N, C-alpha and C. Protein backbone atom coordinates (compact mmCIF):
# COMPACT_ATOMS: atom_id res chain seq x y z
N MET A 1 -61.95 34.95 -29.10
CA MET A 1 -61.96 33.62 -28.51
C MET A 1 -60.81 32.79 -29.06
N GLU A 2 -60.14 32.06 -28.16
CA GLU A 2 -59.00 31.24 -28.58
C GLU A 2 -59.43 30.18 -29.58
N ALA A 3 -60.62 29.58 -29.36
CA ALA A 3 -61.11 28.55 -30.28
C ALA A 3 -61.35 29.11 -31.66
N ASP A 4 -61.89 30.35 -31.74
CA ASP A 4 -62.13 30.97 -33.04
C ASP A 4 -60.82 31.27 -33.75
N LEU A 5 -59.80 31.70 -33.01
CA LEU A 5 -58.50 31.96 -33.62
C LEU A 5 -57.90 30.67 -34.17
N GLU A 6 -58.08 29.56 -33.45
CA GLU A 6 -57.61 28.27 -33.95
C GLU A 6 -58.32 27.90 -35.24
N LEU A 7 -59.62 28.13 -35.29
CA LEU A 7 -60.39 27.83 -36.50
C LEU A 7 -59.87 28.61 -37.69
N ILE A 8 -59.59 29.91 -37.48
CA ILE A 8 -59.08 30.75 -38.56
C ILE A 8 -57.71 30.25 -39.01
N THR A 9 -56.85 29.88 -38.05
CA THR A 9 -55.51 29.38 -38.38
C THR A 9 -55.60 28.09 -39.17
N TRP A 10 -56.43 27.16 -38.73
CA TRP A 10 -56.57 25.88 -39.43
C TRP A 10 -57.11 26.09 -40.85
N ARG A 11 -58.06 27.02 -40.99
CA ARG A 11 -58.65 27.27 -42.31
C ARG A 11 -57.60 27.81 -43.28
N ARG A 12 -56.80 28.77 -42.81
CA ARG A 12 -55.79 29.36 -43.68
C ARG A 12 -54.73 28.34 -44.08
N GLN A 13 -54.29 27.52 -43.13
CA GLN A 13 -53.29 26.52 -43.44
C GLN A 13 -53.85 25.46 -44.38
N TRP A 14 -55.11 25.11 -44.18
CA TRP A 14 -55.73 24.10 -45.05
C TRP A 14 -55.85 24.63 -46.47
N GLN A 15 -56.21 25.89 -46.63
CA GLN A 15 -56.34 26.49 -47.95
C GLN A 15 -54.98 26.61 -48.64
N ALA A 16 -53.95 26.90 -47.84
CA ALA A 16 -52.63 27.11 -48.44
C ALA A 16 -51.98 25.80 -48.85
N ASP A 17 -52.16 24.75 -48.05
CA ASP A 17 -51.45 23.50 -48.29
C ASP A 17 -52.32 22.38 -48.84
N SER A 18 -53.64 22.53 -48.72
CA SER A 18 -54.58 21.47 -49.11
C SER A 18 -54.26 20.17 -48.37
N GLY A 19 -53.73 20.30 -47.18
CA GLY A 19 -53.41 19.14 -46.35
C GLY A 19 -53.85 19.39 -44.92
N VAL A 20 -53.36 18.56 -43.99
CA VAL A 20 -53.73 18.72 -42.59
C VAL A 20 -53.02 19.95 -42.03
N PRO A 21 -53.76 20.92 -41.48
CA PRO A 21 -53.11 22.10 -40.89
C PRO A 21 -52.11 21.68 -39.81
N SER A 22 -50.94 22.28 -39.84
CA SER A 22 -49.90 21.89 -38.90
C SER A 22 -50.32 22.13 -37.45
N SER A 23 -51.05 23.23 -37.20
CA SER A 23 -51.48 23.51 -35.83
C SER A 23 -52.49 22.48 -35.34
N LEU A 24 -53.36 22.01 -36.24
CA LEU A 24 -54.32 20.98 -35.87
C LEU A 24 -53.61 19.66 -35.58
N LYS A 25 -52.64 19.34 -36.42
CA LYS A 25 -51.87 18.11 -36.22
C LYS A 25 -51.09 18.17 -34.91
N GLN A 26 -50.49 19.31 -34.63
CA GLN A 26 -49.73 19.47 -33.38
C GLN A 26 -50.65 19.37 -32.17
N ARG A 27 -51.85 19.91 -32.29
CA ARG A 27 -52.81 19.84 -31.20
C ARG A 27 -53.17 18.39 -30.90
N VAL A 28 -53.46 17.61 -31.95
CA VAL A 28 -53.82 16.20 -31.78
C VAL A 28 -52.65 15.43 -31.16
N GLU A 29 -51.45 15.69 -31.63
CA GLU A 29 -50.27 15.00 -31.08
C GLU A 29 -50.05 15.38 -29.63
N ARG A 30 -50.30 16.64 -29.29
CA ARG A 30 -50.14 17.09 -27.90
C ARG A 30 -51.17 16.41 -27.00
N GLU A 31 -52.39 16.27 -27.50
CA GLU A 31 -53.42 15.58 -26.72
C GLU A 31 -53.08 14.10 -26.55
N THR A 32 -52.49 13.50 -27.59
CA THR A 32 -52.10 12.09 -27.49
C THR A 32 -51.05 11.89 -26.42
N ARG A 33 -50.08 12.79 -26.37
CA ARG A 33 -49.05 12.71 -25.32
C ARG A 33 -49.67 12.88 -23.94
N GLY A 34 -50.66 13.77 -23.85
CA GLY A 34 -51.35 13.96 -22.58
C GLY A 34 -52.10 12.71 -22.16
N MET A 35 -52.71 12.02 -23.11
CA MET A 35 -53.41 10.77 -22.80
C MET A 35 -52.44 9.71 -22.28
N ARG A 36 -51.27 9.64 -22.89
CA ARG A 36 -50.27 8.67 -22.43
C ARG A 36 -49.78 8.99 -21.03
N ARG A 37 -49.58 10.28 -20.76
CA ARG A 37 -49.15 10.66 -19.41
C ARG A 37 -50.24 10.35 -18.39
N PHE A 38 -51.49 10.48 -18.80
CA PHE A 38 -52.60 10.19 -17.89
C PHE A 38 -52.62 8.70 -17.55
N VAL A 39 -52.34 7.86 -18.54
CA VAL A 39 -52.28 6.42 -18.29
C VAL A 39 -51.17 6.11 -17.29
N VAL A 40 -50.02 6.75 -17.46
CA VAL A 40 -48.92 6.55 -16.51
C VAL A 40 -49.35 6.97 -15.11
N GLY A 41 -50.07 8.10 -15.03
CA GLY A 41 -50.56 8.55 -13.74
C GLY A 41 -51.53 7.56 -13.10
N GLU A 42 -52.37 6.95 -13.92
CA GLU A 42 -53.30 5.95 -13.40
C GLU A 42 -52.54 4.73 -12.85
N ILE A 43 -51.49 4.34 -13.55
CA ILE A 43 -50.69 3.21 -13.07
C ILE A 43 -50.04 3.54 -11.73
N ILE A 44 -49.50 4.75 -11.60
CA ILE A 44 -48.87 5.16 -10.35
C ILE A 44 -49.88 5.18 -9.21
N VAL A 45 -51.07 5.74 -9.48
CA VAL A 45 -52.12 5.78 -8.45
C VAL A 45 -52.52 4.37 -8.04
N THR A 46 -52.63 3.47 -9.01
CA THR A 46 -53.00 2.09 -8.71
C THR A 46 -51.97 1.43 -7.80
N ILE A 47 -50.69 1.66 -8.11
CA ILE A 47 -49.62 1.06 -7.31
C ILE A 47 -49.63 1.62 -5.89
N ILE A 48 -49.75 2.96 -5.78
CA ILE A 48 -49.66 3.60 -4.47
C ILE A 48 -50.88 3.25 -3.59
N PHE A 49 -52.08 3.52 -4.12
CA PHE A 49 -53.28 3.33 -3.30
C PHE A 49 -53.69 1.86 -3.24
N GLY A 50 -53.64 1.19 -4.40
CA GLY A 50 -54.01 -0.22 -4.40
C GLY A 50 -53.03 -1.06 -3.61
N GLY A 51 -51.74 -0.89 -3.91
CA GLY A 51 -50.72 -1.65 -3.19
C GLY A 51 -50.64 -1.25 -1.73
N GLY A 52 -50.79 0.05 -1.45
CA GLY A 52 -50.72 0.51 -0.07
C GLY A 52 -51.86 -0.02 0.79
N SER A 53 -53.06 -0.05 0.21
CA SER A 53 -54.20 -0.56 0.98
C SER A 53 -54.07 -2.06 1.25
N LEU A 54 -53.55 -2.80 0.29
CA LEU A 54 -53.35 -4.24 0.50
C LEU A 54 -52.28 -4.49 1.56
N ALA A 55 -51.21 -3.72 1.51
CA ALA A 55 -50.14 -3.88 2.50
C ALA A 55 -50.64 -3.56 3.90
N TRP A 56 -51.42 -2.50 4.01
CA TRP A 56 -51.98 -2.12 5.31
C TRP A 56 -52.90 -3.21 5.85
N ALA A 57 -53.77 -3.76 4.96
CA ALA A 57 -54.68 -4.82 5.39
C ALA A 57 -53.92 -6.06 5.83
N ALA A 58 -52.85 -6.39 5.10
CA ALA A 58 -52.08 -7.59 5.43
C ALA A 58 -51.31 -7.43 6.74
N LEU A 59 -50.82 -6.23 7.01
CA LEU A 59 -50.03 -5.99 8.22
C LEU A 59 -50.90 -5.78 9.46
N SER A 60 -52.03 -5.14 9.28
CA SER A 60 -52.88 -4.83 10.44
C SER A 60 -53.80 -5.97 10.82
N LEU A 61 -54.21 -6.78 9.84
CA LEU A 61 -55.15 -7.88 10.09
C LEU A 61 -56.45 -7.39 10.71
N ARG A 62 -56.83 -6.15 10.38
CA ARG A 62 -58.07 -5.57 10.89
C ARG A 62 -59.18 -5.71 9.86
N THR A 63 -60.38 -6.01 10.33
CA THR A 63 -61.51 -6.19 9.42
C THR A 63 -61.86 -4.90 8.69
N ASP A 64 -61.84 -3.77 9.43
CA ASP A 64 -62.21 -2.51 8.80
C ASP A 64 -61.20 -2.11 7.72
N VAL A 65 -59.92 -2.41 7.94
CA VAL A 65 -58.90 -2.09 6.93
C VAL A 65 -59.06 -3.01 5.72
N PHE A 66 -59.45 -4.25 5.94
CA PHE A 66 -59.70 -5.16 4.84
C PHE A 66 -60.87 -4.66 3.99
N VAL A 67 -61.91 -4.15 4.66
CA VAL A 67 -63.06 -3.58 3.93
C VAL A 67 -62.62 -2.36 3.13
N LEU A 68 -61.75 -1.55 3.73
CA LEU A 68 -61.24 -0.38 3.02
C LEU A 68 -60.46 -0.79 1.78
N ALA A 69 -59.62 -1.81 1.90
CA ALA A 69 -58.83 -2.28 0.75
C ALA A 69 -59.75 -2.79 -0.36
N LEU A 70 -60.81 -3.50 0.01
CA LEU A 70 -61.77 -3.96 -1.00
C LEU A 70 -62.42 -2.78 -1.71
N GLY A 71 -62.77 -1.76 -0.95
CA GLY A 71 -63.38 -0.58 -1.55
C GLY A 71 -62.43 0.13 -2.50
N VAL A 72 -61.17 0.26 -2.06
CA VAL A 72 -60.17 0.92 -2.90
C VAL A 72 -60.02 0.20 -4.23
N TRP A 73 -59.91 -1.13 -4.19
CA TRP A 73 -59.73 -1.87 -5.43
C TRP A 73 -60.99 -1.89 -6.29
N ALA A 74 -62.15 -1.81 -5.66
CA ALA A 74 -63.39 -1.72 -6.44
C ALA A 74 -63.43 -0.40 -7.22
N PHE A 75 -63.05 0.69 -6.56
CA PHE A 75 -63.04 1.99 -7.24
C PHE A 75 -61.93 2.07 -8.29
N ILE A 76 -60.81 1.42 -8.03
CA ILE A 76 -59.74 1.37 -9.04
C ILE A 76 -60.24 0.64 -10.30
N ALA A 77 -60.95 -0.46 -10.10
CA ALA A 77 -61.48 -1.21 -11.24
C ALA A 77 -62.49 -0.38 -12.01
N ILE A 78 -63.35 0.35 -11.30
CA ILE A 78 -64.35 1.21 -11.97
C ILE A 78 -63.65 2.31 -12.75
N ALA A 79 -62.63 2.93 -12.12
CA ALA A 79 -61.91 4.02 -12.78
C ALA A 79 -61.21 3.54 -14.04
N TRP A 80 -60.57 2.38 -13.98
CA TRP A 80 -59.88 1.85 -15.16
C TRP A 80 -60.88 1.51 -16.27
N THR A 81 -62.04 0.99 -15.90
CA THR A 81 -63.06 0.67 -16.90
C THR A 81 -63.56 1.92 -17.60
N ILE A 82 -63.83 2.96 -16.81
CA ILE A 82 -64.28 4.22 -17.40
C ILE A 82 -63.22 4.81 -18.32
N SER A 83 -61.96 4.81 -17.86
CA SER A 83 -60.87 5.36 -18.67
C SER A 83 -60.70 4.60 -19.97
N PHE A 84 -60.81 3.28 -19.90
CA PHE A 84 -60.67 2.47 -21.11
C PHE A 84 -61.78 2.79 -22.11
N LEU A 85 -63.00 2.91 -21.63
CA LEU A 85 -64.12 3.20 -22.52
C LEU A 85 -64.00 4.59 -23.13
N LEU A 86 -63.54 5.57 -22.34
CA LEU A 86 -63.43 6.93 -22.85
C LEU A 86 -62.27 7.09 -23.84
N ARG A 87 -61.25 6.25 -23.71
CA ARG A 87 -60.11 6.34 -24.64
C ARG A 87 -60.27 5.44 -25.86
N ARG A 88 -61.23 4.55 -25.84
CA ARG A 88 -61.39 3.59 -26.93
C ARG A 88 -61.69 4.32 -28.25
N GLY A 89 -60.88 4.03 -29.27
CA GLY A 89 -61.06 4.64 -30.57
C GLY A 89 -60.65 6.09 -30.66
N ALA A 90 -59.99 6.62 -29.62
CA ALA A 90 -59.63 8.04 -29.61
C ALA A 90 -58.13 8.27 -29.59
N TRP A 91 -57.35 7.27 -29.99
CA TRP A 91 -55.90 7.41 -29.94
C TRP A 91 -55.34 8.05 -31.20
N THR A 92 -55.77 7.63 -32.36
CA THR A 92 -55.21 8.13 -33.61
C THR A 92 -56.32 8.36 -34.64
N PRO A 93 -56.11 9.28 -35.59
CA PRO A 93 -57.10 9.47 -36.66
C PRO A 93 -57.10 8.27 -37.60
N LEU A 94 -58.23 8.04 -38.24
CA LEU A 94 -58.36 6.89 -39.14
C LEU A 94 -57.50 7.06 -40.39
N THR A 95 -57.41 8.28 -40.89
CA THR A 95 -56.61 8.57 -42.07
C THR A 95 -55.85 9.87 -41.86
N ALA A 96 -54.87 10.13 -42.71
CA ALA A 96 -54.07 11.35 -42.60
C ALA A 96 -54.71 12.47 -43.39
N THR A 97 -55.96 12.81 -43.08
CA THR A 97 -56.68 13.89 -43.75
C THR A 97 -57.16 14.89 -42.71
N THR A 98 -57.46 16.10 -43.17
CA THR A 98 -57.96 17.12 -42.26
C THR A 98 -59.25 16.67 -41.60
N MET A 99 -60.16 16.08 -42.38
CA MET A 99 -61.43 15.63 -41.83
C MET A 99 -61.22 14.59 -40.73
N ALA A 100 -60.29 13.65 -40.94
CA ALA A 100 -60.04 12.63 -39.93
C ALA A 100 -59.50 13.23 -38.64
N PHE A 101 -58.62 14.23 -38.76
CA PHE A 101 -58.07 14.88 -37.58
C PHE A 101 -59.15 15.67 -36.85
N VAL A 102 -60.04 16.32 -37.62
CA VAL A 102 -61.13 17.07 -37.00
C VAL A 102 -62.11 16.11 -36.31
N GLU A 103 -62.42 14.99 -36.97
CA GLU A 103 -63.32 14.00 -36.37
C GLU A 103 -62.74 13.47 -35.07
N LEU A 104 -61.44 13.22 -35.05
CA LEU A 104 -60.79 12.73 -33.83
C LEU A 104 -60.86 13.79 -32.74
N SER A 105 -60.65 15.05 -33.10
CA SER A 105 -60.72 16.14 -32.12
C SER A 105 -62.13 16.27 -31.56
N ILE A 106 -63.14 16.10 -32.41
CA ILE A 106 -64.52 16.15 -31.95
C ILE A 106 -64.80 15.01 -30.98
N LEU A 107 -64.34 13.81 -31.33
CA LEU A 107 -64.55 12.66 -30.46
C LEU A 107 -63.88 12.87 -29.11
N ARG A 108 -62.65 13.35 -29.12
CA ARG A 108 -61.93 13.58 -27.87
C ARG A 108 -62.62 14.65 -27.03
N CYS A 109 -63.11 15.68 -27.68
CA CYS A 109 -63.79 16.75 -26.96
C CYS A 109 -65.05 16.21 -26.28
N ARG A 110 -65.81 15.40 -27.00
CA ARG A 110 -67.01 14.80 -26.42
C ARG A 110 -66.65 13.86 -25.26
N ARG A 111 -65.58 13.10 -25.44
CA ARG A 111 -65.17 12.17 -24.39
C ARG A 111 -64.71 12.94 -23.14
N ARG A 112 -64.05 14.07 -23.33
CA ARG A 112 -63.62 14.86 -22.18
C ARG A 112 -64.82 15.41 -21.42
N ARG A 113 -65.86 15.80 -22.14
CA ARG A 113 -67.09 16.26 -21.48
C ARG A 113 -67.73 15.12 -20.70
N GLU A 114 -67.75 13.94 -21.31
CA GLU A 114 -68.31 12.78 -20.62
C GLU A 114 -67.47 12.40 -19.40
N SER A 115 -66.15 12.57 -19.51
CA SER A 115 -65.27 12.21 -18.40
C SER A 115 -65.52 13.09 -17.19
N ILE A 116 -65.90 14.35 -17.41
CA ILE A 116 -66.17 15.23 -16.27
C ILE A 116 -67.36 14.71 -15.47
N VAL A 117 -68.41 14.26 -16.17
CA VAL A 117 -69.58 13.70 -15.49
C VAL A 117 -69.19 12.40 -14.77
N ALA A 118 -68.42 11.54 -15.46
CA ALA A 118 -68.00 10.27 -14.86
C ALA A 118 -67.13 10.51 -13.63
N GLN A 119 -66.22 11.46 -13.71
CA GLN A 119 -65.35 11.75 -12.59
C GLN A 119 -66.14 12.31 -11.40
N ALA A 120 -67.16 13.12 -11.69
CA ALA A 120 -67.98 13.67 -10.62
C ALA A 120 -68.74 12.56 -9.90
N LEU A 121 -69.33 11.65 -10.67
CA LEU A 121 -70.05 10.53 -10.06
C LEU A 121 -69.11 9.65 -9.23
N LEU A 122 -67.93 9.36 -9.79
CA LEU A 122 -66.96 8.53 -9.07
C LEU A 122 -66.48 9.23 -7.81
N TYR A 123 -66.30 10.54 -7.90
CA TYR A 123 -65.85 11.31 -6.74
C TYR A 123 -66.84 11.19 -5.58
N PHE A 124 -68.13 11.34 -5.87
CA PHE A 124 -69.13 11.27 -4.81
C PHE A 124 -69.28 9.84 -4.29
N MET A 125 -69.07 8.86 -5.15
CA MET A 125 -69.10 7.47 -4.67
C MET A 125 -67.96 7.22 -3.70
N ILE A 126 -66.75 7.67 -4.06
CA ILE A 126 -65.59 7.49 -3.19
C ILE A 126 -65.76 8.29 -1.90
N LEU A 127 -66.27 9.53 -2.03
CA LEU A 127 -66.47 10.36 -0.84
C LEU A 127 -67.47 9.71 0.11
N GLY A 128 -68.56 9.19 -0.45
CA GLY A 128 -69.56 8.54 0.39
C GLY A 128 -69.00 7.30 1.09
N PHE A 129 -68.22 6.51 0.35
CA PHE A 129 -67.62 5.32 0.94
C PHE A 129 -66.64 5.69 2.05
N ASN A 130 -65.79 6.68 1.79
CA ASN A 130 -64.78 7.07 2.78
C ASN A 130 -65.42 7.62 4.06
N LEU A 131 -66.44 8.46 3.90
CA LEU A 131 -67.09 9.03 5.08
C LEU A 131 -67.81 7.94 5.88
N THR A 132 -68.42 7.00 5.17
CA THR A 132 -69.08 5.89 5.86
C THR A 132 -68.06 5.04 6.61
N TRP A 133 -66.92 4.76 5.97
CA TRP A 133 -65.87 3.96 6.61
C TRP A 133 -65.33 4.67 7.85
N ILE A 134 -65.08 5.97 7.72
CA ILE A 134 -64.56 6.74 8.86
C ILE A 134 -65.57 6.76 10.00
N TYR A 135 -66.84 6.92 9.65
CA TYR A 135 -67.89 7.01 10.67
C TYR A 135 -67.93 5.76 11.54
N PHE A 136 -67.86 4.58 10.91
CA PHE A 136 -67.96 3.34 11.67
C PHE A 136 -66.61 2.87 12.21
N ALA A 137 -65.51 3.27 11.56
CA ALA A 137 -64.19 2.82 12.01
C ALA A 137 -63.73 3.55 13.27
N ARG A 138 -64.25 4.75 13.49
CA ARG A 138 -63.81 5.53 14.64
C ARG A 138 -64.36 4.99 15.97
N GLY A 139 -65.42 4.23 15.92
CA GLY A 139 -65.98 3.72 17.15
C GLY A 139 -66.86 4.73 17.84
N PRO A 140 -66.27 5.66 18.62
CA PRO A 140 -67.10 6.65 19.31
C PRO A 140 -67.94 7.50 18.36
N ALA A 141 -67.41 7.70 17.14
CA ALA A 141 -68.15 8.53 16.19
C ALA A 141 -69.45 7.87 15.77
N ALA A 142 -69.53 6.52 15.90
CA ALA A 142 -70.73 5.81 15.49
C ALA A 142 -71.92 6.19 16.36
N GLY A 143 -71.65 6.71 17.56
CA GLY A 143 -72.74 7.12 18.43
C GLY A 143 -73.26 8.51 18.12
N ARG A 144 -72.58 9.24 17.28
CA ARG A 144 -73.01 10.59 16.92
C ARG A 144 -74.05 10.54 15.81
N PRO A 145 -74.99 11.46 15.80
CA PRO A 145 -75.93 11.53 14.67
C PRO A 145 -75.17 11.77 13.37
N VAL A 146 -75.67 11.18 12.29
CA VAL A 146 -74.98 11.29 11.01
C VAL A 146 -74.83 12.74 10.58
N ILE A 147 -75.89 13.55 10.73
CA ILE A 147 -75.83 14.95 10.33
C ILE A 147 -74.76 15.70 11.11
N ALA A 148 -74.71 15.44 12.41
CA ALA A 148 -73.69 16.11 13.24
C ALA A 148 -72.29 15.68 12.82
N PHE A 149 -72.15 14.41 12.45
CA PHE A 149 -70.85 13.91 12.01
C PHE A 149 -70.43 14.57 10.69
N LEU A 150 -71.36 14.66 9.74
CA LEU A 150 -71.02 15.20 8.42
C LEU A 150 -70.79 16.71 8.44
N THR A 151 -71.45 17.39 9.38
CA THR A 151 -71.31 18.86 9.44
C THR A 151 -70.29 19.29 10.48
N GLY A 152 -69.54 18.33 11.01
CA GLY A 152 -68.52 18.68 12.00
C GLY A 152 -67.41 19.52 11.39
N SER A 153 -66.74 20.26 12.26
CA SER A 153 -65.69 21.17 11.78
C SER A 153 -64.53 20.42 11.14
N GLU A 154 -64.33 19.13 11.53
CA GLU A 154 -63.21 18.37 10.97
C GLU A 154 -63.39 18.05 9.49
N PHE A 155 -64.62 18.18 8.98
CA PHE A 155 -64.89 17.88 7.57
C PHE A 155 -65.22 19.13 6.75
N ALA A 156 -65.02 20.30 7.35
CA ALA A 156 -65.32 21.54 6.62
C ALA A 156 -64.47 21.66 5.36
N TRP A 157 -63.21 21.22 5.46
CA TRP A 157 -62.30 21.31 4.30
C TRP A 157 -62.76 20.40 3.17
N VAL A 158 -63.41 19.28 3.51
CA VAL A 158 -63.90 18.36 2.48
C VAL A 158 -64.96 19.04 1.63
N TRP A 159 -65.90 19.71 2.29
CA TRP A 159 -66.99 20.36 1.55
C TRP A 159 -66.48 21.57 0.78
N ALA A 160 -65.46 22.25 1.31
CA ALA A 160 -64.88 23.39 0.59
C ALA A 160 -64.21 22.92 -0.70
N ILE A 161 -63.45 21.82 -0.60
CA ILE A 161 -62.80 21.27 -1.79
C ILE A 161 -63.84 20.77 -2.79
N THR A 162 -64.90 20.13 -2.29
CA THR A 162 -65.96 19.63 -3.17
C THR A 162 -66.61 20.78 -3.94
N LEU A 163 -66.87 21.87 -3.25
CA LEU A 163 -67.46 23.05 -3.91
C LEU A 163 -66.53 23.62 -4.97
N ALA A 164 -65.25 23.72 -4.63
CA ALA A 164 -64.27 24.25 -5.58
C ALA A 164 -64.17 23.35 -6.81
N LEU A 165 -64.14 22.04 -6.60
CA LEU A 165 -64.08 21.11 -7.73
C LEU A 165 -65.32 21.21 -8.60
N GLY A 166 -66.48 21.45 -7.97
CA GLY A 166 -67.72 21.60 -8.73
C GLY A 166 -67.66 22.82 -9.64
N VAL A 167 -67.14 23.93 -9.13
CA VAL A 167 -67.02 25.15 -9.93
C VAL A 167 -66.08 24.93 -11.11
N VAL A 168 -64.93 24.27 -10.83
CA VAL A 168 -63.97 23.97 -11.90
C VAL A 168 -64.60 23.08 -12.97
N ALA A 169 -65.35 22.07 -12.55
CA ALA A 169 -65.99 21.14 -13.49
C ALA A 169 -66.99 21.86 -14.38
N ILE A 170 -67.77 22.77 -13.80
CA ILE A 170 -68.76 23.52 -14.59
C ILE A 170 -68.06 24.39 -15.63
N LYS A 171 -66.99 25.06 -15.23
CA LYS A 171 -66.26 25.91 -16.17
C LYS A 171 -65.62 25.07 -17.28
N GLN A 172 -65.10 23.91 -16.94
CA GLN A 172 -64.51 23.05 -17.96
C GLN A 172 -65.57 22.57 -18.95
N ARG A 173 -66.75 22.22 -18.45
CA ARG A 173 -67.84 21.80 -19.34
C ARG A 173 -68.22 22.93 -20.29
N GLN A 174 -68.26 24.15 -19.78
CA GLN A 174 -68.60 25.29 -20.63
C GLN A 174 -67.53 25.53 -21.69
N ARG A 175 -66.27 25.44 -21.28
CA ARG A 175 -65.17 25.63 -22.23
C ARG A 175 -65.19 24.56 -23.32
N LEU A 176 -65.42 23.31 -22.91
CA LEU A 176 -65.46 22.22 -23.88
C LEU A 176 -66.67 22.35 -24.80
N ALA A 177 -67.77 22.91 -24.32
CA ALA A 177 -68.93 23.13 -25.17
C ALA A 177 -68.61 24.13 -26.27
N ARG A 178 -67.89 25.20 -25.92
CA ARG A 178 -67.47 26.17 -26.93
C ARG A 178 -66.49 25.55 -27.92
N GLU A 179 -65.56 24.76 -27.40
CA GLU A 179 -64.59 24.09 -28.27
C GLU A 179 -65.26 23.12 -29.22
N LEU A 180 -66.23 22.38 -28.71
CA LEU A 180 -66.96 21.44 -29.55
C LEU A 180 -67.73 22.17 -30.64
N GLY A 181 -68.32 23.30 -30.30
CA GLY A 181 -69.03 24.09 -31.30
C GLY A 181 -68.11 24.56 -32.42
N THR A 182 -66.90 24.97 -32.05
CA THR A 182 -65.92 25.40 -33.05
C THR A 182 -65.52 24.25 -33.97
N LEU A 183 -65.28 23.09 -33.38
CA LEU A 183 -64.89 21.92 -34.18
C LEU A 183 -66.03 21.46 -35.09
N MET A 184 -67.25 21.51 -34.60
CA MET A 184 -68.39 21.13 -35.43
C MET A 184 -68.55 22.10 -36.61
N ASP A 185 -68.30 23.38 -36.33
CA ASP A 185 -68.37 24.38 -37.39
C ASP A 185 -67.28 24.12 -38.43
N LEU A 186 -66.09 23.76 -37.97
CA LEU A 186 -64.99 23.45 -38.88
C LEU A 186 -65.33 22.24 -39.74
N ARG A 187 -65.93 21.22 -39.15
CA ARG A 187 -66.30 20.03 -39.92
C ARG A 187 -67.32 20.37 -41.00
N LEU A 188 -68.29 21.21 -40.68
CA LEU A 188 -69.30 21.60 -41.67
C LEU A 188 -68.65 22.35 -42.83
N GLN A 189 -67.68 23.19 -42.49
CA GLN A 189 -67.01 23.95 -43.55
C GLN A 189 -66.19 23.04 -44.45
N ILE A 190 -65.56 22.02 -43.87
CA ILE A 190 -64.81 21.07 -44.70
C ILE A 190 -65.77 20.29 -45.59
N GLU A 191 -66.91 19.88 -45.05
CA GLU A 191 -67.89 19.14 -45.84
C GLU A 191 -68.44 19.99 -46.98
N ASP A 192 -68.60 21.30 -46.71
CA ASP A 192 -69.08 22.21 -47.76
C ASP A 192 -68.00 22.52 -48.78
N GLY A 193 -66.75 22.23 -48.41
CA GLY A 193 -65.64 22.49 -49.32
C GLY A 193 -65.23 23.94 -49.36
N ALA A 194 -65.73 24.73 -48.40
CA ALA A 194 -65.45 26.16 -48.44
C ALA A 194 -64.37 26.54 -47.44
N MET A 195 -64.42 25.96 -46.24
CA MET A 195 -63.49 26.29 -45.16
C MET A 195 -63.51 27.78 -44.85
N GLU A 196 -64.68 28.41 -44.99
CA GLU A 196 -64.82 29.81 -44.64
C GLU A 196 -65.96 29.94 -43.63
N PRO A 197 -65.94 30.91 -42.73
CA PRO A 197 -67.01 31.09 -41.77
C PRO A 197 -68.34 31.27 -42.48
N ARG A 198 -69.36 30.59 -42.01
CA ARG A 198 -70.64 30.61 -42.69
C ARG A 198 -71.32 31.96 -42.61
N HIS A 199 -71.08 32.71 -41.52
CA HIS A 199 -71.78 33.97 -41.34
C HIS A 199 -70.92 35.18 -41.66
N HIS A 200 -69.64 34.95 -41.91
CA HIS A 200 -68.74 36.07 -42.21
C HIS A 200 -67.88 35.72 -43.41
N PRO A 201 -68.41 35.77 -44.62
CA PRO A 201 -67.62 35.44 -45.80
C PRO A 201 -66.49 36.44 -45.98
N PRO A 202 -65.35 35.98 -46.51
CA PRO A 202 -64.19 36.87 -46.68
C PRO A 202 -64.44 37.91 -47.77
N LYS A 203 -63.86 39.08 -47.55
CA LYS A 203 -63.96 40.13 -48.56
C LYS A 203 -62.96 39.89 -49.68
N ALA A 204 -63.43 40.07 -50.88
CA ALA A 204 -62.56 39.86 -52.03
C ALA A 204 -61.54 40.99 -52.13
N ARG A 205 -60.31 40.62 -52.40
CA ARG A 205 -59.25 41.61 -52.58
C ARG A 205 -59.15 42.00 -54.04
N PRO A 206 -58.92 43.27 -54.30
CA PRO A 206 -58.77 43.69 -55.72
C PRO A 206 -57.61 42.97 -56.38
N GLY A 207 -57.89 42.37 -57.51
CA GLY A 207 -56.84 41.70 -58.27
C GLY A 207 -56.53 40.32 -57.77
N ALA A 208 -57.15 39.93 -56.68
CA ALA A 208 -56.85 38.61 -56.13
C ALA A 208 -57.75 37.58 -56.77
N GLN A 209 -57.21 36.48 -57.08
CA GLN A 209 -57.95 35.40 -57.71
C GLN A 209 -58.47 34.46 -56.65
N HIS A 210 -59.77 34.14 -56.69
CA HIS A 210 -60.36 33.23 -55.71
C HIS A 210 -59.81 31.82 -55.92
N LYS A 211 -59.44 31.22 -54.81
CA LYS A 211 -58.86 29.87 -54.86
C LYS A 211 -59.85 28.88 -54.26
N ASP A 212 -60.37 28.02 -55.10
CA ASP A 212 -61.32 27.02 -54.60
C ASP A 212 -60.56 25.97 -53.83
N SER A 213 -61.20 25.45 -52.76
CA SER A 213 -60.59 24.41 -51.97
C SER A 213 -61.07 23.08 -52.45
């Protein structure tokens, strides 16, 4: 397992240097850069969809487009609120110690798991709003039964994408659960002062002197 290999690498580096393992530090820095890029992406999405919906509403002067613009900005506000809460306190470690870096990694891992649930809920809210808007905005479609409208061939791709996203989300949750377990195990080992696997103690080498951490 990749997570187990990371644990072994961090343990060896920690024992050798008695400091923050370089691979752990690089991982945290890489995640921080990813968080910054995500913020930039959110700004771009806000400009494109938020600004585009307002421009469309202003140019068309249509009531249904105005309702759409309100919905878009409502979801943008919800998305920004969720992102702010999930990133709060997860930017930098409190101190330059191995424990602080591990604690930050655990927090980020938990927040990523929570973000998958939040994104799924937001996705279905947006999907429901969009389908409702399309149903009433089309005019003739409003006369069709809702079930017939939702199961029409024109929306088959929507349900296919939704299913694919659901599978990806489940796999990500499983991967993050394994990663969180590895990080929790690493934290316990640091607290014990051993930094060795609890169920697989290292074999002593002849002539080698044990080095306490």
